[in-house]
Amino acid sequence: MGKFIEHTLSDLKPEAAYFAADGGWRTVYLFLEVKDSSDMPYVAERFFFAFNATVELIPVMNVDELKKGLPRAMAALAG
């Protein structure tokens, strides 16, 4: 498991990685940039194959991305 984690962190280069127990399950929280949705299998499949893991990907944005997207959302609501 240690080598897998080392290789994965080296390969994916997350901004942060946290390891915990969540609901009695070994859990890793990786914060990384996925520039295109086609990159999601590259991230997730390694965990499926290595551990038969459950993987949840949650898209988020930083404040600059929020500022960029809000005007479009507000225009659609006013529309």
PDB file of N, CA and C in Angstrom:
ATOM      1  N   MET A   1       0.832  -1.189   0.000  1.00  0.00           N
ATOM      2  CA  MET A   1       0.000   0.000   0.000  1.00  0.00           C
ATOM      3  C   MET A   1       0.878   1.254   0.000  1.00  0.00           C
ATOM      4  N   GLY A   2       1.965   1.230   0.737  1.00  0.00           N
ATOM      5  CA  GLY A   2       2.841   2.398   0.820  1.00  0.00           C
ATOM      6  C   GLY A   2       3.399   2.801  -0.532  1.00  0.00           C
ATOM      7  N   LYS A   3       3.855   1.829  -1.309  1.00  0.00           N
ATOM      8  CA  LYS A   3       4.406   2.122  -2.643  1.00  0.00           C
ATOM      9  C   LYS A   3       3.323   2.685  -3.565  1.00  0.00           C
ATOM     10  N   PHE A   4       2.114   2.115  -3.467  1.00  0.00           N
ATOM     11  CA  PHE A   4       0.995   2.615  -4.273  1.00  0.00           C
ATOM     12  C   PHE A   4       0.723   4.076  -3.944  1.00  0.00           C
ATOM     13  N   ILE A   5       0.680   4.400  -2.662  1.00  0.00           N
ATOM     14  CA  ILE A   5       0.404   5.775  -2.240  1.00  0.00           C
ATOM     15  C   ILE A   5       1.512   6.705  -2.718  1.00  0.00           C
ATOM     16  N   GLU A   6       2.773   6.298  -2.528  1.00  0.00           N
ATOM     17  CA  GLU A   6       3.893   7.121  -2.982  1.00  0.00           C
ATOM     18  C   GLU A   6       3.815   7.374  -4.487  1.00  0.00           C
ATOM     19  N   HIS A   7       3.576   6.318  -5.251  1.00  0.00           N
ATOM     20  CA  HIS A   7       3.504   6.454  -6.710  1.00  0.00           C
ATOM     21  C   HIS A   7       2.328   7.345  -7.111  1.00  0.00           C
ATOM     22  N   THR A   8       1.177   7.133  -6.489  1.00  0.00           N
ATOM     23  CA  THR A   8      -0.018   7.909  -6.814  1.00  0.00           C
ATOM     24  C   THR A   8       0.181   9.389  -6.514  1.00  0.00           C
ATOM     25  N   LEU A   9       0.740   9.703  -5.350  1.00  0.00           N
ATOM     26  CA  LEU A   9       0.970  11.106  -4.996  1.00  0.00           C
ATOM     27  C   LEU A   9       1.994  11.737  -5.933  1.00  0.00           C
ATOM     28  N   SER A  10       3.014  10.995  -6.290  1.00  0.00           N
ATOM     29  CA  SER A  10       4.021  11.498  -7.227  1.00  0.00           C
ATOM     30  C   SER A  10       3.427  11.727  -8.610  1.00  0.00           C
ATOM     31  N   ASP A  11       2.559  10.826  -9.039  1.00  0.00           N
ATOM     32  CA  ASP A  11       1.957  10.894 -10.370  1.00  0.00           C
ATOM     33  C   ASP A  11       0.884  11.974 -10.472  1.00  0.00           C
ATOM     34  N   LEU A  12      -0.025  12.031  -9.507  1.00  0.00           N
ATOM     35  CA  LEU A  12      -1.151  12.968  -9.570  1.00  0.00           C
ATOM     36  C   LEU A  12      -0.803  14.368  -9.072  1.00  0.00           C
ATOM     37  N   LYS A  13       0.220  14.478  -8.237  1.00  0.00           N
ATOM     38  CA  LYS A  13       0.661  15.758  -7.679  1.00  0.00           C
ATOM     39  C   LYS A  13      -0.500  16.567  -7.081  1.00  0.00           C
ATOM     40  N   PRO A  14      -1.186  16.001  -6.084  1.00  0.00           N
ATOM     41  CA  PRO A  14      -2.310  16.744  -5.489  1.00  0.00           C
ATOM     42  C   PRO A  14      -1.828  17.986  -4.748  1.00  0.00           C
ATOM     43  N   GLU A  15      -2.726  18.968  -4.660  1.00  0.00           N
ATOM     44  CA  GLU A  15      -2.434  20.164  -3.875  1.00  0.00           C
ATOM     45  C   GLU A  15      -2.363  19.813  -2.389  1.00  0.00           C
ATOM     46  N   ALA A  16      -3.169  18.831  -1.979  1.00  0.00           N
ATOM     47  CA  ALA A  16      -3.165  18.346  -0.601  1.00  0.00           C
ATOM     48  C   ALA A  16      -3.667  16.913  -0.594  1.00  0.00           C
ATOM     49  N   ALA A  17      -3.222  16.154   0.412  1.00  0.00           N
ATOM     50  CA  ALA A  17      -3.674  14.771   0.592  1.00  0.00           C
ATOM     51  C   ALA A  17      -3.861  14.531   2.086  1.00  0.00           C
ATOM     52  N   TYR A  18      -5.031  14.040   2.446  1.00  0.00           N
ATOM     53  CA  TYR A  18      -5.341  13.749   3.848  1.00  0.00           C
ATOM     54  C   TYR A  18      -5.827  12.309   3.946  1.00  0.00           C
ATOM     55  N   PHE A  19      -5.393  11.623   4.986  1.00  0.00           N
ATOM     56  CA  PHE A  19      -5.745  10.225   5.205  1.00  0.00           C
ATOM     57  C   PHE A  19      -6.506  10.133   6.517  1.00  0.00           C
ATOM     58  N   ALA A  20      -7.625   9.415   6.486  1.00  0.00           N
ATOM     59  CA  ALA A  20      -8.501   9.361   7.659  1.00  0.00           C
ATOM     60  C   ALA A  20      -9.311   8.076   7.648  1.00  0.00           C
ATOM     61  N   ALA A  21     -10.037   7.859   8.725  1.00  0.00           N
ATOM     62  CA  ALA A  21     -11.085   6.841   8.769  1.00  0.00           C
ATOM     63  C   ALA A  21     -12.406   7.593   8.703  1.00  0.00           C
ATOM     64  N   ASP A  22     -13.263   7.231   7.768  1.00  0.00           N
ATOM     65  CA  ASP A  22     -14.554   7.892   7.593  1.00  0.00           C
ATOM     66  C   ASP A  22     -15.617   6.811   7.569  1.00  0.00           C
ATOM     67  N   GLY A  23     -16.473   6.789   8.571  1.00  0.00           N
ATOM     68  CA  GLY A  23     -17.509   5.767   8.654  1.00  0.00           C
ATOM     69  C   GLY A  23     -16.933   4.360   8.771  1.00  0.00           C
ATOM     70  N   GLY A  24     -15.758   4.252   9.361  1.00  0.00           N
ATOM     71  CA  GLY A  24     -15.121   2.952   9.530  1.00  0.00           C
ATOM     72  C   GLY A  24     -14.330   2.487   8.308  1.00  0.00           C
ATOM     73  N   TRP A  25     -14.216   3.320   7.289  1.00  0.00           N
ATOM     74  CA  TRP A  25     -13.490   2.968   6.063  1.00  0.00           C
ATOM     75  C   TRP A  25     -12.195   3.765   5.971  1.00  0.00           C
ATOM     76  N   ARG A  26     -11.148   3.091   5.485  1.00  0.00           N
ATOM     77  CA  ARG A  26      -9.930   3.834   5.162  1.00  0.00           C
ATOM     78  C   ARG A  26     -10.286   4.835   4.067  1.00  0.00           C
ATOM     79  N   THR A  27      -9.852   6.070   4.248  1.00  0.00           N
ATOM     80  CA  THR A  27     -10.267   7.130   3.343  1.00  0.00           C
ATOM     81  C   THR A  27      -9.085   8.019   3.011  1.00  0.00           C
ATOM     82  N   VAL A  28      -9.025   8.445   1.771  1.00  0.00           N
ATOM     83  CA  VAL A  28      -8.055   9.458   1.372  1.00  0.00           C
ATOM     84  C   VAL A  28      -8.825  10.587   0.693  1.00  0.00           C
ATOM     85  N   TYR A  29      -8.484  11.791   1.070  1.00  0.00           N
ATOM     86  CA  TYR A  29      -9.034  12.979   0.434  1.00  0.00           C
ATOM     87  C   TYR A  29      -7.897  13.609  -0.361  1.00  0.00           C
ATOM     88  N   LEU A  30      -8.030  13.605  -1.672  1.00  0.00           N
ATOM     89  CA  LEU A  30      -7.033  14.205  -2.547  1.00  0.00           C
ATOM     90  C   LEU A  30      -7.620  15.458  -3.171  1.00  0.00           C
ATOM     91  N   PHE A  31      -6.889  16.529  -3.101  1.00  0.00           N
ATOM     92  CA  PHE A  31      -7.311  17.779  -3.720  1.00  0.00           C
ATOM     93  C   PHE A  31      -6.378  18.001  -4.904  1.00  0.00           C
ATOM     94  N   LEU A  32      -6.942  17.814  -6.101  1.00  0.00           N
ATOM     95  CA  LEU A  32      -6.119  17.928  -7.287  1.00  0.00           C
ATOM     96  C   LEU A  32      -6.896  18.558  -8.417  1.00  0.00           C
ATOM     97  N   GLU A  33      -6.154  19.073  -9.369  1.00  0.00           N
ATOM     98  CA  GLU A  33      -6.777  19.717 -10.518  1.00  0.00           C
ATOM     99  C   GLU A  33      -7.018  18.684 -11.608  1.00  0.00           C
ATOM    100  N   VAL A  34      -8.264  18.573 -12.001  1.00  0.00           N
ATOM    101  CA  VAL A  34      -8.649  17.730 -13.131  1.00  0.00           C
ATOM    102  C   VAL A  34      -9.125  18.700 -14.201  1.00  0.00           C
ATOM    103  N   LYS A  35      -8.284  18.919 -15.206  1.00  0.00           N
ATOM    104  CA  LYS A  35      -8.566  19.958 -16.199  1.00  0.00           C
ATOM    105  C   LYS A  35      -9.673  19.573 -17.159  1.00  0.00           C
ATOM    106  N   ASP A  36      -9.889  18.286 -17.349  1.00  0.00           N
ATOM    107  CA  ASP A  36     -10.894  17.822 -18.309  1.00  0.00           C
ATOM    108  C   ASP A  36     -11.553  16.579 -17.736  1.00  0.00           C
ATOM    109  N   SER A  37     -12.848  16.436 -17.948  1.00  0.00           N
ATOM    110  CA  SER A  37     -13.557  15.277 -17.391  1.00  0.00           C
ATOM    111  C   SER A  37     -12.999  13.961 -17.919  1.00  0.00           C
ATOM    112  N   SER A  38     -12.340  13.974 -19.071  1.00  0.00           N
ATOM    113  CA  SER A  38     -11.744  12.742 -19.587  1.00  0.00           C
ATOM    114  C   SER A  38     -10.551  12.294 -18.750  1.00  0.00           C
ATOM    115  N   ASP A  39     -10.068  13.153 -17.846  1.00  0.00           N
ATOM    116  CA  ASP A  39      -8.987  12.772 -16.932  1.00  0.00           C
ATOM    117  C   ASP A  39      -9.496  11.973 -15.731  1.00  0.00           C
ATOM    118  N   MET A  40     -10.805  11.967 -15.503  1.00  0.00           N
ATOM    119  CA  MET A  40     -11.350  11.297 -14.317  1.00  0.00           C
ATOM    120  C   MET A  40     -11.038   9.799 -14.279  1.00  0.00           C
ATOM    121  N   PRO A  41     -11.146   9.058 -15.378  1.00  0.00           N
ATOM    122  CA  PRO A  41     -10.768   7.648 -15.313  1.00  0.00           C
ATOM    123  C   PRO A  41      -9.291   7.455 -14.948  1.00  0.00           C
ATOM    124  N   TYR A  42      -8.432   8.343 -15.423  1.00  0.00           N
ATOM    125  CA  TYR A  42      -7.004   8.262 -15.097  1.00  0.00           C
ATOM    126  C   TYR A  42      -6.787   8.377 -13.588  1.00  0.00           C
ATOM    127  N   VAL A  43      -7.583   9.200 -12.946  1.00  0.00           N
ATOM    128  CA  VAL A  43      -7.488   9.370 -11.499  1.00  0.00           C
ATOM    129  C   VAL A  43      -8.133   8.192 -10.774  1.00  0.00           C
ATOM    130  N   ALA A  44      -9.339   7.829 -11.146  1.00  0.00           N
ATOM    131  CA  ALA A  44     -10.139   6.874 -10.371  1.00  0.00           C
ATOM    132  C   ALA A  44      -9.790   5.408 -10.598  1.00  0.00           C
ATOM    133  N   GLU A  45      -9.500   5.023 -11.818  1.00  0.00           N
ATOM    134  CA  GLU A  45      -9.327   3.598 -12.126  1.00  0.00           C
ATOM    135  C   GLU A  45      -8.231   2.945 -11.308  1.00  0.00           C
ATOM    136  N   ARG A  46      -7.186   3.658 -11.001  1.00  0.00           N
ATOM    137  CA  ARG A  46      -6.097   3.081 -10.200  1.00  0.00           C
ATOM    138  C   ARG A  46      -6.608   2.606  -8.837  1.00  0.00           C
ATOM    139  N   PHE A  47      -7.565   3.334  -8.254  1.00  0.00           N
ATOM    140  CA  PHE A  47      -8.113   2.949  -6.948  1.00  0.00           C
ATOM    141  C   PHE A  47      -9.087   1.783  -7.085  1.00  0.00           C
ATOM    142  N   PHE A  48      -9.848   1.760  -8.177  1.00  0.00           N
ATOM    143  CA  PHE A  48     -10.739   0.626  -8.432  1.00  0.00           C
ATOM    144  C   PHE A  48      -9.932  -0.660  -8.559  1.00  0.00           C
ATOM    145  N   PHE A  49      -8.884  -0.620  -9.388  1.00  0.00           N
ATOM    146  CA  PHE A  49      -8.096  -1.823  -9.649  1.00  0.00           C
ATOM    147  C   PHE A  49      -7.275  -2.259  -8.444  1.00  0.00           C
ATOM    148  N   ALA A  50      -6.642  -1.307  -7.757  1.00  0.00           N
ATOM    149  CA  ALA A  50      -5.757  -1.650  -6.641  1.00  0.00           C
ATOM    150  C   ALA A  50      -6.513  -2.103  -5.400  1.00  0.00           C
ATOM    151  N   PHE A  51      -7.670  -1.481  -5.127  1.00  0.00           N
ATOM    152  CA  PHE A  51      -8.340  -1.726  -3.852  1.00  0.00           C
ATOM    153  C   PHE A  51      -9.820  -2.053  -3.972  1.00  0.00           C
ATOM    154  N   ASN A  52     -10.339  -2.149  -5.186  1.00  0.00           N
ATOM    155  CA  ASN A  52     -11.784  -2.293  -5.367  1.00  0.00           C
ATOM    156  C   ASN A  52     -12.499  -1.194  -4.573  1.00  0.00           C
ATOM    157  N   ALA A  53     -11.959   0.005  -4.657  1.00  0.00           N
ATOM    158  CA  ALA A  53     -12.393   1.128  -3.831  1.00  0.00           C
ATOM    159  C   ALA A  53     -13.641   1.802  -4.382  1.00  0.00           C
ATOM    160  N   THR A  54     -14.317   2.494  -3.511  1.00  0.00           N
ATOM    161  CA  THR A  54     -15.373   3.416  -3.900  1.00  0.00           C
ATOM    162  C   THR A  54     -14.700   4.766  -4.110  1.00  0.00           C
ATOM    163  N   VAL A  55     -14.968   5.394  -5.230  1.00  0.00           N
ATOM    164  CA  VAL A  55     -14.340   6.678  -5.550  1.00  0.00           C
ATOM    165  C   VAL A  55     -15.443   7.695  -5.806  1.00  0.00           C
ATOM    166  N   GLU A  56     -15.318   8.838  -5.175  1.00  0.00           N
ATOM    167  CA  GLU A  56     -16.261   9.928  -5.390  1.00  0.00           C
ATOM    168  C   GLU A  56     -15.466  11.150  -5.830  1.00  0.00           C
ATOM    169  N   LEU A  57     -15.824  11.700  -6.966  1.00  0.00           N
ATOM    170  CA  LEU A  57     -15.176  12.905  -7.475  1.00  0.00           C
ATOM    171  C   LEU A  57     -16.151  14.067  -7.325  1.00  0.00           C
ATOM    172  N   ILE A  58     -15.713  15.115  -6.663  1.00  0.00           N
ATOM    173  CA  ILE A  58     -16.571  16.261  -6.404  1.00  0.00           C
ATOM    174  C   ILE A  58     -15.924  17.493  -7.029  1.00  0.00           C
ATOM    175  N   PRO A  59     -16.506  18.022  -8.103  1.00  0.00           N
ATOM    176  CA  PRO A  59     -15.911  19.217  -8.711  1.00  0.00           C
ATOM    177  C   PRO A  59     -16.120  20.431  -7.809  1.00  0.00           C
ATOM    178  N   VAL A  60     -15.072  21.227  -7.717  1.00  0.00           N
ATOM    179  CA  VAL A  60     -15.121  22.466  -6.934  1.00  0.00           C
ATOM    180  C   VAL A  60     -14.453  23.569  -7.748  1.00  0.00           C
ATOM    181  N   MET A  61     -14.588  24.806  -7.276  1.00  0.00           N
ATOM    182  CA  MET A  61     -13.932  25.921  -7.944  1.00  0.00           C
ATOM    183  C   MET A  61     -13.337  26.854  -6.905  1.00  0.00           C
ATOM    184  N   ASN A  62     -12.347  27.608  -7.340  1.00  0.00           N
ATOM    185  CA  ASN A  62     -11.778  28.614  -6.453  1.00  0.00           C
ATOM    186  C   ASN A  62     -12.554  29.920  -6.634  1.00  0.00           C
ATOM    187  N   VAL A  63     -12.193  30.935  -5.873  1.00  0.00           N
ATOM    188  CA  VAL A  63     -12.963  32.179  -5.886  1.00  0.00           C
ATOM    189  C   VAL A  63     -12.888  32.870  -7.252  1.00  0.00           C
ATOM    190  N   ASP A  64     -11.757  32.798  -7.935  1.00  0.00           N
ATOM    191  CA  ASP A  64     -11.650  33.424  -9.260  1.00  0.00           C
ATOM    192  C   ASP A  64     -12.577  32.735 -10.260  1.00  0.00           C
ATOM    193  N   GLU A  65     -12.663  31.413 -10.192  1.00  0.00           N
ATOM    194  CA  GLU A  65     -13.563  30.679 -11.081  1.00  0.00           C
ATOM    195  C   GLU A  65     -15.021  30.990 -10.765  1.00  0.00           C
ATOM    196  N   LEU A  66     -15.334  31.151  -9.483  1.00  0.00           N
ATOM    197  CA  LEU A  66     -16.688  31.525  -9.080  1.00  0.00           C
ATOM    198  C   LEU A  66     -17.051  32.905  -9.634  1.00  0.00           C
ATOM    199  N   LYS A  67     -16.131  33.855  -9.500  1.00  0.00           N
ATOM    200  CA  LYS A  67     -16.371  35.201 -10.025  1.00  0.00           C
ATOM    201  C   LYS A  67     -16.586  35.176 -11.534  1.00  0.00           C
ATOM    202  N   LYS A  68     -15.867  34.315 -12.227  1.00  0.00           N
ATOM    203  CA  LYS A  68     -16.006  34.200 -13.672  1.00  0.00           C
ATOM    204  C   LYS A  68     -17.358  33.601 -14.049  1.00  0.00           C
ATOM    205  N   GLY A  69     -17.841  32.613 -13.278  1.00  0.00           N
ATOM    206  CA  GLY A  69     -19.071  31.913 -13.611  1.00  0.00           C
ATOM    207  C   GLY A  69     -20.348  32.584 -13.141  1.00  0.00           C
ATOM    208  N   LEU A  70     -20.280  33.375 -12.090  1.00  0.00           N
ATOM    209  CA  LEU A  70     -21.493  33.990 -11.521  1.00  0.00           C
ATOM    210  C   LEU A  70     -22.242  34.891 -12.490  1.00  0.00           C
ATOM    211  N   PRO A  71     -21.571  35.753 -13.236  1.00  0.00           N
ATOM    212  CA  PRO A  71     -22.336  36.624 -14.155  1.00  0.00           C
ATOM    213  C   PRO A  71     -23.172  35.817 -15.153  1.00  0.00           C
ATOM    214  N   ARG A  72     -22.618  34.746 -15.649  1.00  0.00           N
ATOM    215  CA  ARG A  72     -23.373  33.904 -16.594  1.00  0.00           C
ATOM    216  C   ARG A  72     -24.580  33.259 -15.908  1.00  0.00           C
ATOM    217  N   ALA A  73     -24.386  32.795 -14.688  1.00  0.00           N
ATOM    218  CA  ALA A  73     -25.490  32.186 -13.946  1.00  0.00           C
ATOM    219  C   ALA A  73     -26.578  33.216 -13.646  1.00  0.00           C
ATOM    220  N   MET A  74     -26.178  34.423 -13.258  1.00  0.00           N
ATOM    221  CA  MET A  74     -27.151  35.461 -12.930  1.00  0.00           C
ATOM    222  C   MET A  74     -27.910  35.894 -14.191  1.00  0.00           C
ATOM    223  N   ALA A  75     -27.218  35.964 -15.326  1.00  0.00           N
ATOM    224  CA  ALA A  75     -27.876  36.331 -16.577  1.00  0.00           C
ATOM    225  C   ALA A  75     -28.905  35.277 -16.967  1.00  0.00           C
ATOM    226  N   ALA A  76     -28.592  34.026 -16.753  1.00  0.00           N
ATOM    227  CA  ALA A  76     -29.530  32.945 -17.065  1.00  0.00           C
ATOM    228  C   ALA A  76     -30.760  33.014 -16.164  1.00  0.00           C
ATOM    229  N   LEU A  77     -30.566  33.367 -14.898  1.00  0.00           N
ATOM    230  CA  LEU A  77     -31.685  33.477 -13.959  1.00  0.00           C
ATOM    231  C   LEU A  77     -32.574  34.671 -14.295  1.00  0.00           C
ATOM    232  N   ALA A  78     -31.958  35.739 -14.741  1.00  0.00           N
ATOM    233  CA  ALA A  78     -32.722  36.946 -15.074  1.00  0.00           C
ATOM    234  C   ALA A  78     -33.445  36.807 -16.401  1.00  0.00           C
ATOM    235  N   GLY A  79     -32.932  35.886 -17.241  1.00  0.00           N
ATOM    236  CA  GLY A  79     -33.320  35.655 -18.589  1.00  0.00           C
ATOM    237  C   GLY A  79     -34.672  35.627 -19.009  1.00  0.00           C
TER     238      GLY A  79
END
